[in-house]
C-alpha atoms as a PDB file:
ATOM      1  CA  MET A   1      -8.422 -65.381 -13.890  1.00  0.00           C
ATOM      2  CA  ILE A   2      -9.331 -64.829 -17.554  1.00  0.00           C
ATOM      3  CA  GLU A   3      -7.668 -67.238 -19.959  1.00  0.00           C
ATOM      4  CA  ARG A   4      -6.026 -66.016 -23.168  1.00  0.00           C
ATOM      5  CA  GLN A   5      -8.476 -68.158 -25.164  1.00  0.00           C
ATOM      6  CA  THR A   6     -11.430 -66.397 -23.548  1.00  0.00           C
ATOM      7  CA  ARG A   7      -9.971 -62.971 -24.284  1.00  0.00           C
ATOM      8  CA  THR A   8      -9.279 -63.997 -27.872  1.00  0.00           C
ATOM      9  CA  ALA A   9     -12.886 -65.181 -28.182  1.00  0.00           C
ATOM     10  CA  LEU A  10     -14.055 -61.755 -27.031  1.00  0.00           C
ATOM     11  CA  CYS A  11     -12.055 -60.136 -29.824  1.00  0.00           C
ATOM     12  CA  LEU A  12     -13.622 -62.565 -32.283  1.00  0.00           C
ATOM     13  CA  LEU A  13     -17.038 -61.416 -31.079  1.00  0.00           C
ATOM     14  CA  ALA A  14     -16.052 -57.887 -32.048  1.00  0.00           C
ATOM     15  CA  LEU A  15     -14.876 -58.991 -35.462  1.00  0.00           C
ATOM     16  CA  LEU A  16     -18.031 -60.943 -36.210  1.00  0.00           C
ATOM     17  CA  SER A  17     -20.438 -58.343 -34.862  1.00  0.00           C
ATOM     18  CA  THR A  18     -19.157 -55.247 -36.637  1.00  0.00           C
ATOM     19  CA  LEU A  19     -16.382 -56.263 -38.977  1.00  0.00           C
ATOM     20  CA  ALA A  20     -14.261 -54.103 -36.690  1.00  0.00           C
ATOM     21  CA  GLY A  21     -10.664 -54.641 -35.772  1.00  0.00           C
ATOM     22  CA  CYS A  22      -9.772 -55.869 -32.352  1.00  0.00           C
ATOM     23  CA  ALA A  23      -6.383 -56.167 -30.712  1.00  0.00           C
ATOM     24  CA  LEU A  24      -5.349 -58.183 -27.695  1.00  0.00           C
ATOM     25  CA  PHE A  25      -2.094 -57.456 -25.881  1.00  0.00           C
ATOM     26  CA  GLU A  26      -0.221 -59.701 -23.507  1.00  0.00           C
ATOM     27  CA  ASP A  27       1.655 -57.793 -20.836  1.00  0.00           C
ATOM     28  CA  GLU A  28       5.002 -58.761 -19.392  1.00  0.00           C
ATOM     29  CA  ASP A  29       3.988 -59.843 -15.901  1.00  0.00           C
ATOM     30  CA  GLY A  30       1.024 -62.014 -16.943  1.00  0.00           C
ATOM     31  CA  VAL A  31      -0.942 -61.064 -13.817  1.00  0.00           C
ATOM     32  CA  VAL A  32      -4.656 -60.442 -14.271  1.00  0.00           C
ATOM     33  CA  SER A  33      -6.864 -58.842 -11.624  1.00  0.00           C
ATOM     34  CA  ASP A  34      -9.536 -60.964 -10.024  1.00  0.00           C
ATOM     35  CA  SER A  35     -11.765 -58.010  -9.066  1.00  0.00           C
ATOM     36  CA  GLY A  36     -14.707 -59.775 -10.678  1.00  0.00           C
ATOM     37  CA  LEU A  37     -15.759 -56.632 -12.597  1.00  0.00           C
ATOM     38  CA  TYR A  38     -16.643 -56.624 -16.293  1.00  0.00           C
ATOM     39  CA  GLY A  39     -17.151 -54.167 -19.123  1.00  0.00           C
ATOM     40  CA  ALA A  40     -18.732 -54.079 -22.572  1.00  0.00           C
ATOM     41  CA  ILE A  41     -19.034 -51.815 -25.591  1.00  0.00           C
ATOM     42  CA  SER A  42     -22.108 -51.774 -27.814  1.00  0.00           C
ATOM     43  CA  TYR A  43     -22.356 -50.298 -31.305  1.00  0.00           C
ATOM     44  CA  SER A  44     -24.984 -49.422 -33.920  1.00  0.00           C
ATOM     45  CA  ASN A  45     -23.874 -50.094 -37.494  1.00  0.00           C
ATOM     46  CA  GLN A  46     -26.710 -47.930 -38.834  1.00  0.00           C
ATOM     47  CA  THR A  47     -25.973 -44.768 -36.875  1.00  0.00           C
ATOM     48  CA  GLY A  48     -22.451 -45.171 -35.510  1.00  0.00           C
ATOM     49  CA  ARG A  49     -23.761 -44.565 -31.990  1.00  0.00           C
ATOM     50  CA  TRP A  50     -21.973 -46.521 -29.297  1.00  0.00           C
ATOM     51  CA  SER A  51     -21.881 -46.878 -25.536  1.00  0.00           C
ATOM     52  CA  MET A  52     -19.710 -48.439 -22.871  1.00  0.00           C
ATOM     53  CA  ALA A  53     -20.416 -50.004 -19.490  1.00  0.00           C
ATOM     54  CA  THR A  54     -17.657 -50.804 -16.992  1.00  0.00           C
ATOM     55  CA  GLU A  55     -17.218 -52.159 -13.497  1.00  0.00           C
ATOM     56  CA  ARG A  56     -20.320 -54.369 -13.719  1.00  0.00           C
ATOM     57  CA  PRO A  57     -20.632 -57.480 -11.519  1.00  0.00           C
ATOM     58  CA  ASP A  58     -20.899 -59.941 -14.430  1.00  0.00           C
ATOM     59  CA  PRO A  59     -20.563 -60.056 -18.232  1.00  0.00           C
ATOM     60  CA  GLU A  60     -24.322 -60.172 -18.848  1.00  0.00           C
ATOM     61  CA  THR A  61     -24.965 -57.031 -16.795  1.00  0.00           C
ATOM     62  CA  ALA A  62     -22.152 -55.249 -18.664  1.00  0.00           C
ATOM     63  CA  ARG A  63     -23.654 -56.292 -22.017  1.00  0.00           C
ATOM     64  CA  ARG A  64     -27.193 -55.330 -21.048  1.00  0.00           C
ATOM     65  CA  ASP A  65     -26.164 -51.921 -19.680  1.00  0.00           C
ATOM     66  CA  ALA A  66     -24.019 -51.084 -22.720  1.00  0.00           C
ATOM     67  CA  VAL A  67     -26.767 -52.037 -25.189  1.00  0.00           C
ATOM     68  CA  LYS A  68     -29.421 -50.136 -23.219  1.00  0.00           C
ATOM     69  CA  ALA A  69     -27.273 -46.990 -23.049  1.00  0.00           C
ATOM     70  CA  CYS A  70     -26.628 -47.128 -26.791  1.00  0.00           C
ATOM     71  CA  ALA A  71     -30.385 -46.676 -27.307  1.00  0.00           C
ATOM     72  CA  GLU A  72     -30.538 -47.674 -30.966  1.00  0.00           C
ATOM     73  CA  GLN A  73     -32.600 -50.619 -32.227  1.00  0.00           C
ATOM     74  CA  ASP A  74     -29.617 -52.287 -33.886  1.00  0.00           C
ATOM     75  CA  CYS A  75     -27.139 -51.813 -31.005  1.00  0.00           C
ATOM     76  CA  VAL A  76     -25.271 -54.997 -30.207  1.00  0.00           C
ATOM     77  CA  GLN A  77     -22.376 -55.838 -27.957  1.00  0.00           C
ATOM     78  CA  VAL A  78     -19.177 -55.641 -29.972  1.00  0.00           C
ATOM     79  CA  LEU A  79     -16.600 -56.020 -27.228  1.00  0.00           C
ATOM     80  CA  ALA A  80     -16.465 -57.503 -23.737  1.00  0.00           C
ATOM     81  CA  PHE A  81     -13.575 -57.172 -21.313  1.00  0.00           C
ATOM     82  CA  GLY A  82     -13.024 -58.623 -17.909  1.00  0.00           C
ATOM     83  CA  PRO A  83     -11.261 -57.896 -14.641  1.00  0.00           C
ATOM     84  CA  GLY A  84      -8.005 -55.977 -14.928  1.00  0.00           C
ATOM     85  CA  HIS A  85      -8.558 -55.130 -18.592  1.00  0.00           C
ATOM     86  CA  CYS A  86      -9.338 -52.020 -20.601  1.00  0.00           C
ATOM     87  CA  GLY A  87     -11.669 -51.786 -23.547  1.00  0.00           C
ATOM     88  CA  ALA A  88     -11.204 -49.109 -26.195  1.00  0.00           C
ATOM     89  CA  ILE A  89     -13.174 -47.847 -29.153  1.00  0.00           C
ATOM     90  CA  ALA A  90     -12.027 -45.514 -31.912  1.00  0.00           C
ATOM     91  CA  PRO A  91     -15.356 -44.871 -33.658  1.00  0.00           C
ATOM     92  CA  GLY A  92     -13.996 -43.663 -36.991  1.00  0.00           C
ATOM     93  CA  GLU A  93     -16.585 -43.650 -39.755  1.00  0.00           C
ATOM     94  CA  ILE A  94     -19.923 -45.391 -39.356  1.00  0.00           C
ATOM     95  CA  GLY A  95     -19.495 -49.158 -39.508  1.00  0.00           C
ATOM     96  CA  ARG A  96     -15.725 -49.137 -39.055  1.00  0.00           C
ATOM     97  CA  PRO A  97     -14.806 -48.739 -35.394  1.00  0.00           C
ATOM     98  CA  GLY A  98     -11.476 -49.913 -34.095  1.00  0.00           C
ATOM     99  CA  LEU A  99     -11.813 -51.988 -30.918  1.00  0.00           C
ATOM    100  CA  SER A 100      -9.209 -53.355 -28.558  1.00  0.00           C
ATOM    101  CA  ILE A 101      -8.617 -55.051 -25.231  1.00  0.00           C
ATOM    102  CA  ALA A 102      -5.450 -54.549 -23.214  1.00  0.00           C
ATOM    103  CA  ARG A 103      -4.406 -54.366 -19.599  1.00  0.00           C
ATOM    104  CA  LYS A 104      -2.984 -50.866 -19.979  1.00  0.00           C
ATOM    105  CA  PRO A 105      -5.085 -47.924 -21.208  1.00  0.00           C
ATOM    106  CA  ASP A 106      -2.397 -46.524 -23.504  1.00  0.00           C
ATOM    107  CA  ARG A 107      -1.962 -49.871 -25.253  1.00  0.00           C
ATOM    108  CA  ALA A 108      -5.731 -50.254 -25.693  1.00  0.00           C
ATOM    109  CA  GLU A 109      -5.971 -46.740 -27.140  1.00  0.00           C
ATOM    110  CA  GLN A 110      -3.069 -47.231 -29.548  1.00  0.00           C
ATOM    111  CA  ALA A 111      -4.418 -50.556 -30.824  1.00  0.00           C
ATOM    112  CA  ALA A 112      -7.958 -49.227 -31.346  1.00  0.00           C
ATOM    113  CA  VAL A 113      -6.651 -46.321 -33.436  1.00  0.00           C
ATOM    114  CA  GLU A 114      -4.377 -48.596 -35.496  1.00  0.00           C
ATOM    115  CA  PHE A 115      -7.192 -51.025 -36.291  1.00  0.00           C
ATOM    116  CA  CYS A 116      -9.567 -48.195 -37.132  1.00  0.00           C
ATOM    117  CA  ILE A 117      -7.041 -46.742 -39.575  1.00  0.00           C
ATOM    118  CA  ASP A 118      -6.139 -50.156 -41.039  1.00  0.00           C
ATOM    119  CA  GLN A 119      -9.726 -50.807 -42.055  1.00  0.00           C
ATOM    120  CA  GLY A 120     -10.304 -47.372 -43.554  1.00  0.00           C
ATOM    121  CA  GLY A 121     -12.166 -45.889 -40.604  1.00  0.00           C
ATOM    122  CA  GLY A 122     -11.215 -42.339 -41.565  1.00  0.00           C
ATOM    123  CA  ALA A 123     -11.016 -39.945 -38.613  1.00  0.00           C
ATOM    124  CA  CYS A 124      -9.873 -42.363 -35.908  1.00  0.00           C
ATOM    125  CA  GLU A 125      -8.182 -39.982 -33.489  1.00  0.00           C
ATOM    126  CA  GLU A 126     -11.047 -39.742 -31.009  1.00  0.00           C
ATOM    127  CA  VAL A 127     -10.684 -42.753 -28.725  1.00  0.00           C
ATOM    128  CA  VAL A 128     -12.472 -43.687 -25.537  1.00  0.00           C
ATOM    129  CA  VAL A 129     -10.848 -46.121 -23.121  1.00  0.00           C
ATOM    130  CA  ALA A 130     -12.292 -47.517 -19.906  1.00  0.00           C
ATOM    131  CA  CYS A 131     -10.753 -50.030 -17.540  1.00  0.00           C
ATOM    132  CA  ASN A 132     -11.968 -52.459 -14.911  1.00  0.00           C
ATOM    133  CA  PRO A 133      -9.869 -52.724 -11.750  1.00  0.00           C
END
């Protein structure tokens, strides 16, 4: 089971890596999946290119696959999410993506757009959300 502190730390990683916004939602039932699958989002500040990996067996594999798929020299992991969680990115303008983690896709999408807009990300309507079981 992923602790709230761990999930908060993952949002802090996003903030430090890209100066992006990150939201974390607690859901009513408090139940988190123990599927053991992980996801990650990587991002290039220079080009705005990003990639996502989901349903990987461990956090390191998720990170490695997301960075490799991004295929830019400066791509770094900006968000990691664990079992039973969704990761979302609203790319916005280069250098200002909105990122979020939530257990429900609609909440992740909404939060990513709000953070993108809050930090002046411009066109933040295009959002990609992926979830681990």
